[in-house]
Amino acid sequence: MNKRLLIHLCWMMLLLSGCWDENDIEERGFVIGTAIDLVEDQQANDNPTFEMTNQFVVPAGIGLPTGAGSEKKAFTNLSETGESLFEIIRLMSTAVGRAPYFEHLKLIVVSEEVARQPDLFAGIMDIFIRDQEMRREMRVVISEEKAQKILEIDPKTENLPVMYITNVMENTTKLAGLVDPARIGEIHEHLLESQSYVIPRVFSSDDKIVFNGGAVFHGESNRMVGTISLEEAAGLNLIKNKIEGGYFKIEVDNKLMVYELKRVKSNIEINANDPDDINIEITIDAEGNIGEMFGQKSLLDKAYLSKIERKVSERIEQVVNNTIKKAQEDLKLDFFGFSEILKRKHYEIWNEVKENWDEGDNIFANSTVKVKADAIIRTTGATDRVKDQGSE
């Protein structure tokens, strides 16, 4: 056998040897959801002790139809405690038959108790950002109650609670007050840029997930410092141009009417000529339909239609102004991204005020913010009214 043939055979053996570090799929415990809580009754001076709950997929239960009455669930929740999440994951590897595998992790639930502690939230996010096994599309939510309870709900429409929760989070076109899903990659950007931000806030009720506005995080400390309601979250979405749908209820001539949003566009202009009196102007253009109405007036009446549009515009302005009031007077934090616009368009002024924007003198809280909304009705539906004026 000549040397050339021998070399070729050696190379073929190396190429056919397979992946030296491969793991069989049967040996992996697929984690799709994680909840982080604090252990109760801790000593004041000790390092915080975490309780980490992981939702593992049980392959044997995946193919079973939902609600079939089978005792075999498609998931199991396992918990461990420790001072380090890295430590907890390693301990969990010794407690289960399959080592936890996080490449398919979709949801991280952090309890409000954890989120309000100084320095903890950023530290918790670190392991999910740092580990190359983790994906940057993972969603993060804040739980009003113990985070573990969110993973324990038993939805009727899905085999896996985490899949049910993430599906609901994507229905932002149905409700204007749903905070845009917070992905781990976006949170990483917030941590690097020291901007204040909002993460969806949830609680469980009768095996359902309920979204309840947002948790507001201080950009410098990365600590939860307050909350916004569903309506205030709608105002936030209107300002940040993140509304893809939803509706507003109004009253016209003491009759209820529902305006369905179809398109919203916002524009923000900042006048920073005087750093001591910064003016922010927000213009919101909305297009929508009449989704529901009570009363007998005809929508073909141009004066009546104009009155409806004026009422919708006033309602949008009210919602946005209430959100701004909450930010400036209660929280004193810019979680709208005004600072980024100021930095991009008025860089020299930004360098003068950045240390006191929503810290120190808090220029943001003292800025003048004006809101102007213009709503129009594109269609009135299949009829201009349901009941004829002359009918009994």
Protein backbone atom coordinates (compact mmCIF):
# COMPACT_ATOMS: atom_id res chain seq x y z
CA MET A 1 0.00 0.00 0.00
CA ASN A 2 1.57 3.29 -1.04
CA LYS A 3 1.88 6.24 1.28
CA ARG A 4 -0.65 8.37 -0.62
CA LEU A 5 -3.42 5.77 -0.22
CA LEU A 6 -2.57 5.38 3.46
CA ILE A 7 -2.92 9.14 4.00
CA HIS A 8 -6.31 9.15 2.25
CA LEU A 9 -7.54 6.30 4.44
CA CYS A 10 -6.48 8.14 7.59
CA TRP A 11 -8.34 11.25 6.51
CA MET A 12 -11.48 9.22 5.76
CA MET A 13 -11.37 7.65 9.21
CA LEU A 14 -11.25 11.10 10.79
CA LEU A 15 -14.14 12.38 8.68
CA LEU A 16 -16.33 9.36 9.40
CA SER A 17 -15.71 9.38 13.13
CA GLY A 18 -18.80 11.56 13.79
CA CYS A 19 -19.22 14.47 16.20
CA TRP A 20 -16.99 13.84 19.17
CA ASP A 21 -19.05 16.04 21.52
CA GLU A 22 -22.57 15.08 20.41
CA ASN A 23 -25.28 14.24 22.95
CA ASP A 24 -28.18 11.94 22.19
CA ILE A 25 -31.53 13.74 22.24
CA GLU A 26 -32.83 11.13 24.69
CA GLU A 27 -30.23 12.31 27.22
CA ARG A 28 -31.43 15.91 27.25
CA GLY A 29 -34.09 17.46 29.47
CA PHE A 30 -35.64 20.21 27.37
CA VAL A 31 -36.47 23.28 29.49
CA ILE A 32 -39.02 25.67 27.94
CA GLY A 33 -39.79 27.87 30.94
CA THR A 34 -37.96 29.14 34.02
CA ALA A 35 -39.28 30.93 37.12
CA ILE A 36 -37.10 32.79 39.62
CA ASP A 37 -38.23 33.46 43.21
CA LEU A 38 -36.61 34.37 46.51
CA VAL A 39 -36.61 31.81 49.30
CA GLU A 40 -38.66 33.04 52.25
CA ASP A 41 -37.32 33.66 55.77
CA GLN A 42 -33.79 34.61 54.78
CA GLN A 43 -31.26 36.15 57.14
CA ALA A 44 -30.82 39.90 56.61
CA ASN A 45 -27.05 39.83 55.98
CA ASP A 46 -26.87 36.64 53.96
CA ASN A 47 -26.57 36.45 50.19
CA PRO A 48 -30.05 36.03 48.71
CA THR A 49 -31.16 32.47 48.17
CA PHE A 50 -33.05 31.83 44.94
CA GLU A 51 -35.61 29.21 44.07
CA MET A 52 -35.42 28.26 40.41
CA THR A 53 -38.29 26.33 38.84
CA ASN A 54 -37.79 24.80 35.40
CA GLN A 55 -40.58 23.49 33.19
CA PHE A 56 -39.37 20.34 31.43
CA VAL A 57 -41.09 18.89 28.39
CA VAL A 58 -42.31 15.30 28.82
CA PRO A 59 -42.18 13.86 25.27
CA ALA A 60 -44.59 11.03 26.09
CA GLY A 61 -47.38 13.52 26.78
CA ILE A 62 -46.85 15.81 23.81
CA GLY A 63 -48.87 13.81 21.30
CA LEU A 64 -51.90 13.44 23.56
CA PRO A 65 -54.93 15.58 22.64
CA THR A 66 -55.65 18.46 25.00
CA GLY A 67 -58.40 17.66 27.50
CA ALA A 68 -58.34 13.96 26.66
CA GLY A 69 -58.42 13.05 30.36
CA SER A 70 -55.05 11.33 30.26
CA GLU A 71 -52.99 11.38 33.46
CA LYS A 72 -49.81 11.82 31.46
CA LYS A 73 -48.90 15.51 31.34
CA ALA A 74 -46.75 17.02 28.63
CA PHE A 75 -44.61 18.84 31.20
CA THR A 76 -43.21 18.66 34.70
CA ASN A 77 -41.97 21.47 36.94
CA LEU A 78 -38.89 20.91 39.08
CA SER A 79 -37.43 23.33 41.66
CA GLU A 80 -34.08 23.73 43.38
CA THR A 81 -32.66 26.42 45.68
CA GLY A 82 -29.25 28.05 45.97
CA GLU A 83 -27.34 31.34 46.03
CA SER A 84 -26.31 31.00 42.36
CA LEU A 85 -28.46 30.11 39.36
CA PHE A 86 -25.44 28.41 37.79
CA GLU A 87 -25.14 26.29 40.93
CA ILE A 88 -28.86 25.47 40.89
CA ILE A 89 -28.70 24.25 37.28
CA ARG A 90 -25.78 21.96 38.14
CA LEU A 91 -27.61 20.64 41.22
CA MET A 92 -30.71 19.99 39.12
CA SER A 93 -28.59 17.95 36.70
CA THR A 94 -27.90 15.50 39.53
CA ALA A 95 -31.55 15.39 40.64
CA VAL A 96 -33.16 14.46 37.31
CA GLY A 97 -32.47 11.71 34.82
CA ARG A 98 -31.71 14.19 32.03
CA ALA A 99 -29.46 17.24 32.30
CA PRO A 100 -31.36 20.54 31.79
CA TYR A 101 -31.00 21.79 28.20
CA PHE A 102 -31.92 25.46 27.67
CA GLU A 103 -31.59 25.97 23.92
CA HIS A 104 -35.39 25.84 23.56
CA LEU A 105 -36.13 28.07 26.57
CA LYS A 106 -38.96 30.44 25.64
CA LEU A 107 -40.01 32.20 28.83
CA ILE A 108 -38.36 33.56 31.97
CA VAL A 109 -40.67 34.59 34.82
CA VAL A 110 -39.18 36.77 37.57
CA SER A 111 -41.17 37.51 40.71
CA GLU A 112 -41.83 41.12 41.60
CA GLU A 113 -40.15 40.47 44.95
CA VAL A 114 -36.91 39.64 43.14
CA ALA A 115 -37.24 42.48 40.62
CA ARG A 116 -37.56 45.12 43.36
CA GLN A 117 -34.30 44.10 45.06
CA PRO A 118 -31.20 46.21 44.26
CA ASP A 119 -28.79 44.61 41.74
CA LEU A 120 -30.59 41.25 41.56
CA PHE A 121 -32.41 41.54 38.24
CA ALA A 122 -29.32 42.39 36.18
CA GLY A 123 -27.41 39.57 37.90
CA ILE A 124 -30.16 37.08 37.08
CA MET A 125 -30.27 38.17 33.45
CA ASP A 126 -26.49 37.71 33.24
CA ILE A 127 -26.57 33.91 33.08
CA PHE A 128 -29.22 33.92 30.35
CA ILE A 129 -27.33 36.50 28.29
CA ARG A 130 -23.86 35.05 28.87
CA ASP A 131 -24.59 31.37 28.15
CA GLN A 132 -24.18 30.58 24.44
CA GLU A 133 -26.85 27.92 24.74
CA MET A 134 -29.49 30.59 25.39
CA ARG A 135 -31.35 32.33 22.56
CA ARG A 136 -31.93 36.08 22.45
CA GLU A 137 -35.62 35.63 21.56
CA MET A 138 -36.54 34.40 25.04
CA ARG A 139 -39.39 36.41 26.60
CA VAL A 140 -39.23 37.87 30.09
CA VAL A 141 -42.23 38.73 32.29
CA ILE A 142 -42.60 39.98 35.85
CA SER A 143 -45.03 38.12 38.13
CA GLU A 144 -47.07 39.96 40.78
CA GLU A 145 -47.17 36.72 42.77
CA LYS A 146 -44.68 33.92 43.20
CA ALA A 147 -43.19 33.27 39.76
CA GLN A 148 -43.50 29.52 40.21
CA LYS A 149 -47.30 29.84 40.17
CA ILE A 150 -47.21 31.16 36.59
CA LEU A 151 -45.64 27.87 35.42
CA GLU A 152 -48.22 25.86 37.38
CA ILE A 153 -51.29 27.01 35.46
CA ASP A 154 -53.14 24.29 33.56
CA PRO A 155 -54.56 25.88 30.38
CA LYS A 156 -57.34 24.12 28.53
CA THR A 157 -56.13 24.99 25.05
CA GLU A 158 -52.46 23.97 25.23
CA ASN A 159 -50.51 20.99 26.54
CA LEU A 160 -47.66 23.23 27.69
CA PRO A 161 -48.33 26.26 29.93
CA VAL A 162 -45.32 28.15 28.55
CA MET A 163 -46.56 27.77 24.95
CA TYR A 164 -49.97 29.08 26.01
CA ILE A 165 -48.39 32.12 27.70
CA THR A 166 -46.12 33.00 24.77
CA ASN A 167 -49.04 32.64 22.33
CA VAL A 168 -51.15 35.05 24.40
CA MET A 169 -48.24 37.52 24.47
CA GLU A 170 -48.27 37.69 20.68
CA ASN A 171 -51.91 38.86 20.61
CA THR A 172 -50.89 42.52 20.82
CA THR A 173 -53.29 43.36 17.99
CA LYS A 174 -56.28 42.58 20.21
CA LEU A 175 -55.59 44.90 23.16
CA ALA A 176 -53.89 48.29 23.01
CA GLY A 177 -52.64 47.97 26.60
CA LEU A 178 -50.55 44.84 26.14
CA VAL A 179 -46.91 45.74 26.70
CA ASP A 180 -44.72 44.63 23.83
CA PRO A 181 -43.07 41.27 24.69
CA ALA A 182 -39.68 41.89 26.34
CA ARG A 183 -37.01 39.71 24.73
CA ILE A 184 -33.73 38.95 26.45
CA GLY A 185 -31.77 40.57 23.60
CA GLU A 186 -33.66 43.86 24.09
CA ILE A 187 -33.15 43.71 27.85
CA HIS A 188 -29.42 43.26 27.23
CA GLU A 189 -29.46 46.51 25.23
CA HIS A 190 -31.25 48.30 28.07
CA LEU A 191 -28.69 47.03 30.56
CA LEU A 192 -25.84 48.33 28.40
CA GLU A 193 -27.41 51.71 27.65
CA SER A 194 -28.77 52.44 31.16
CA GLN A 195 -32.19 53.38 29.78
CA SER A 196 -35.33 52.92 31.85
CA TYR A 197 -37.65 50.30 30.41
CA VAL A 198 -40.91 48.40 30.87
CA ILE A 199 -41.47 44.63 31.08
CA PRO A 200 -44.92 42.95 30.90
CA ARG A 201 -46.49 42.26 34.31
CA VAL A 202 -48.67 39.18 34.84
CA PHE A 203 -50.58 37.11 37.38
CA SER A 204 -52.49 33.83 37.23
CA SER A 205 -56.24 33.44 37.68
CA ASP A 206 -58.25 30.22 37.28
CA ASP A 207 -55.55 28.56 35.16
CA LYS A 208 -55.33 31.59 32.90
CA ILE A 209 -52.61 34.16 32.48
CA VAL A 210 -53.68 37.77 33.01
CA PHE A 211 -51.56 40.62 31.70
CA ASN A 212 -51.72 43.61 34.01
CA GLY A 213 -49.80 46.50 32.49
CA GLY A 214 -46.06 46.72 32.96
CA ALA A 215 -43.25 46.79 35.50
CA VAL A 216 -41.08 49.91 35.20
CA PHE A 217 -37.32 49.47 35.68
CA HIS A 218 -34.87 52.23 36.54
CA GLY A 219 -32.17 52.33 33.88
CA GLU A 220 -29.24 52.96 36.22
CA SER A 221 -30.06 50.47 38.99
CA ASN A 222 -32.00 47.97 36.82
CA ARG A 223 -34.44 47.65 39.69
CA MET A 224 -38.22 47.63 39.43
CA VAL A 225 -39.44 50.92 40.86
CA GLY A 226 -43.11 51.01 39.90
CA THR A 227 -45.90 49.83 37.65
CA ILE A 228 -48.17 51.11 34.90
CA SER A 229 -51.76 49.98 34.36
CA LEU A 230 -53.20 48.54 31.17
CA GLU A 231 -54.51 51.94 30.15
CA GLU A 232 -51.18 53.60 30.92
CA ALA A 233 -49.47 50.86 28.90
CA ALA A 234 -51.78 51.78 26.00
CA GLY A 235 -50.51 55.35 26.31
CA LEU A 236 -46.93 54.10 26.25
CA ASN A 237 -47.62 52.05 23.10
CA LEU A 238 -49.22 55.05 21.40
CA ILE A 239 -46.19 57.24 22.14
CA LYS A 240 -43.66 54.62 21.05
CA ASN A 241 -45.63 53.78 17.89
CA LYS A 242 -46.02 50.15 18.95
CA ILE A 243 -49.76 49.73 18.56
CA GLU A 244 -50.81 47.21 15.96
CA GLY A 245 -54.49 47.12 16.92
CA GLY A 246 -56.81 47.26 19.90
CA TYR A 247 -59.75 49.50 20.69
CA PHE A 248 -60.99 52.46 22.73
CA LYS A 249 -64.38 52.85 24.36
CA ILE A 250 -65.98 56.28 24.17
CA GLU A 251 -69.36 57.83 24.93
CA VAL A 252 -71.16 59.93 22.35
CA ASP A 253 -74.43 61.55 23.45
CA ASN A 254 -74.36 59.27 26.51
CA LYS A 255 -74.22 56.17 24.30
CA LEU A 256 -71.38 53.67 24.34
CA MET A 257 -69.31 53.27 21.20
CA VAL A 258 -66.19 51.19 20.44
CA TYR A 259 -63.50 52.53 18.12
CA GLU A 260 -61.32 49.77 16.64
CA LEU A 261 -57.77 50.86 15.86
CA LYS A 262 -56.44 49.85 12.46
CA ARG A 263 -53.43 52.09 12.02
CA VAL A 264 -51.57 54.40 14.37
CA LYS A 265 -48.59 56.61 13.64
CA SER A 266 -46.86 58.80 16.21
CA ASN A 267 -44.28 61.52 15.75
CA ILE A 268 -42.13 63.08 18.48
CA GLU A 269 -40.45 66.47 18.14
CA ILE A 270 -38.21 67.91 20.85
CA ASN A 271 -37.40 71.62 21.13
CA ALA A 272 -34.21 71.83 23.20
CA ASN A 273 -33.18 75.43 22.52
CA ASP A 274 -33.49 76.14 26.23
CA PRO A 275 -32.04 73.25 28.30
CA ASP A 276 -33.99 74.53 31.32
CA ASP A 277 -37.30 74.36 29.46
CA ILE A 278 -37.33 71.43 27.04
CA ASN A 279 -40.54 71.05 25.06
CA ILE A 280 -41.71 67.69 23.73
CA GLU A 281 -44.51 67.57 21.17
CA ILE A 282 -46.24 64.25 20.43
CA THR A 283 -48.53 63.97 17.42
CA ILE A 284 -50.65 60.84 17.01
CA ASP A 285 -52.60 60.02 13.85
CA ALA A 286 -55.09 57.17 14.15
CA GLU A 287 -57.30 55.39 11.66
CA GLY A 288 -60.00 52.94 12.65
CA ASN A 289 -63.49 51.55 12.33
CA ILE A 290 -66.66 51.62 14.37
CA GLY A 291 -66.57 48.21 16.01
CA GLU A 292 -69.75 48.56 18.09
CA MET A 293 -72.32 51.24 18.83
CA PHE A 294 -75.47 51.83 20.83
CA GLY A 295 -78.10 54.37 19.87
CA GLN A 296 -80.12 55.18 16.80
CA LYS A 297 -78.25 57.96 15.03
CA SER A 298 -77.03 57.35 11.51
CA LEU A 299 -73.30 57.22 10.88
CA LEU A 300 -73.98 58.70 7.46
CA ASP A 301 -74.54 62.02 9.20
CA LYS A 302 -71.24 63.86 8.61
CA ALA A 303 -71.68 66.10 11.65
CA TYR A 304 -72.28 63.06 13.88
CA LEU A 305 -69.29 61.25 12.37
CA SER A 306 -67.08 64.28 13.00
CA LYS A 307 -68.29 64.35 16.59
CA ILE A 308 -67.27 60.71 17.04
CA GLU A 309 -63.82 61.40 15.58
CA ARG A 310 -63.39 64.34 17.95
CA LYS A 311 -64.37 62.17 20.94
CA VAL A 312 -61.88 59.47 19.91
CA SER A 313 -59.12 62.06 19.52
CA GLU A 314 -59.88 63.45 22.99
CA ARG A 315 -59.85 59.95 24.46
CA ILE A 316 -56.45 59.15 22.93
CA GLU A 317 -55.04 62.45 24.23
CA GLN A 318 -56.42 61.67 27.70
CA VAL A 319 -54.83 58.20 27.79
CA VAL A 320 -51.43 59.48 26.63
CA ASN A 321 -51.46 62.45 29.01
CA ASN A 322 -52.29 60.18 31.95
CA THR A 323 -49.27 57.99 31.11
CA ILE A 324 -46.99 61.02 30.86
CA LYS A 325 -48.32 62.31 34.18
CA LYS A 326 -47.53 58.96 35.80
CA ALA A 327 -43.99 59.08 34.40
CA GLN A 328 -43.25 62.71 35.30
CA GLU A 329 -45.00 63.06 38.66
CA ASP A 330 -45.02 59.61 40.24
CA LEU A 331 -42.09 57.65 38.81
CA LYS A 332 -40.01 60.60 37.53
CA LEU A 333 -38.51 58.31 34.87
CA ASP A 334 -38.31 58.56 31.10
CA PHE A 335 -39.30 55.09 29.91
CA PHE A 336 -40.55 56.44 26.56
CA GLY A 337 -37.16 56.81 24.87
CA PHE A 338 -37.24 60.62 24.74
CA SER A 339 -33.59 60.62 25.84
CA GLU A 340 -32.59 58.68 22.71
CA ILE A 341 -34.32 61.22 20.46
CA LEU A 342 -32.65 64.06 22.33
CA LYS A 343 -29.28 62.35 22.03
CA ARG A 344 -29.73 61.67 18.31
CA LYS A 345 -31.09 65.07 17.26
CA HIS A 346 -29.60 67.45 19.85
CA TYR A 347 -26.34 65.83 20.84
CA GLU A 348 -24.70 68.95 22.28
CA ILE A 349 -27.71 69.70 24.47
CA TRP A 350 -27.87 66.07 25.51
CA ASN A 351 -24.29 66.23 26.77
CA GLU A 352 -25.31 69.18 28.93
CA VAL A 353 -28.39 67.55 30.47
CA LYS A 354 -27.70 63.80 30.44
CA GLU A 355 -26.50 63.67 34.07
CA ASN A 356 -29.73 65.33 35.21
CA TRP A 357 -32.24 63.98 32.68
CA ASP A 358 -34.16 61.68 35.02
CA GLU A 359 -31.63 61.86 37.86
CA GLY A 360 -30.48 64.79 40.01
CA ASP A 361 -32.40 67.89 38.85
CA ASN A 362 -34.67 65.59 36.80
CA ILE A 363 -35.07 67.75 33.72
CA PHE A 364 -37.42 65.18 32.23
CA ALA A 365 -39.94 65.58 35.05
CA ASN A 366 -39.92 69.35 34.50
CA SER A 367 -40.15 69.24 30.71
CA THR A 368 -43.28 70.41 28.93
CA VAL A 369 -45.01 67.63 27.01
CA LYS A 370 -47.86 68.43 24.62
CA VAL A 371 -50.04 65.80 22.97
CA LYS A 372 -52.17 66.23 19.85
CA ALA A 373 -54.25 63.36 18.46
CA ASP A 374 -56.17 63.21 15.19
CA ALA A 375 -58.44 60.18 14.75
CA ILE A 376 -60.45 59.42 11.63
CA ILE A 377 -63.03 56.77 10.85
CA ARG A 378 -62.34 54.81 7.68
CA THR A 379 -65.37 52.50 7.69
CA THR A 380 -68.53 52.16 9.75
CA GLY A 381 -69.08 48.47 9.14
CA ALA A 382 -71.78 46.73 7.12
CA THR A 383 -74.49 49.15 8.31
CA ASP A 384 -74.74 52.76 9.36
CA ARG A 385 -77.09 51.81 12.26
CA VAL A 386 -78.74 48.67 13.59
CA LYS A 387 -82.08 50.02 14.75
CA ASP A 388 -84.23 52.31 12.61
CA GLN A 389 -85.19 55.57 14.26
CA GLY A 390 -88.86 55.02 13.60
CA SER A 391 -89.05 51.50 15.04
CA GLU A 392 -90.33 50.65 18.51
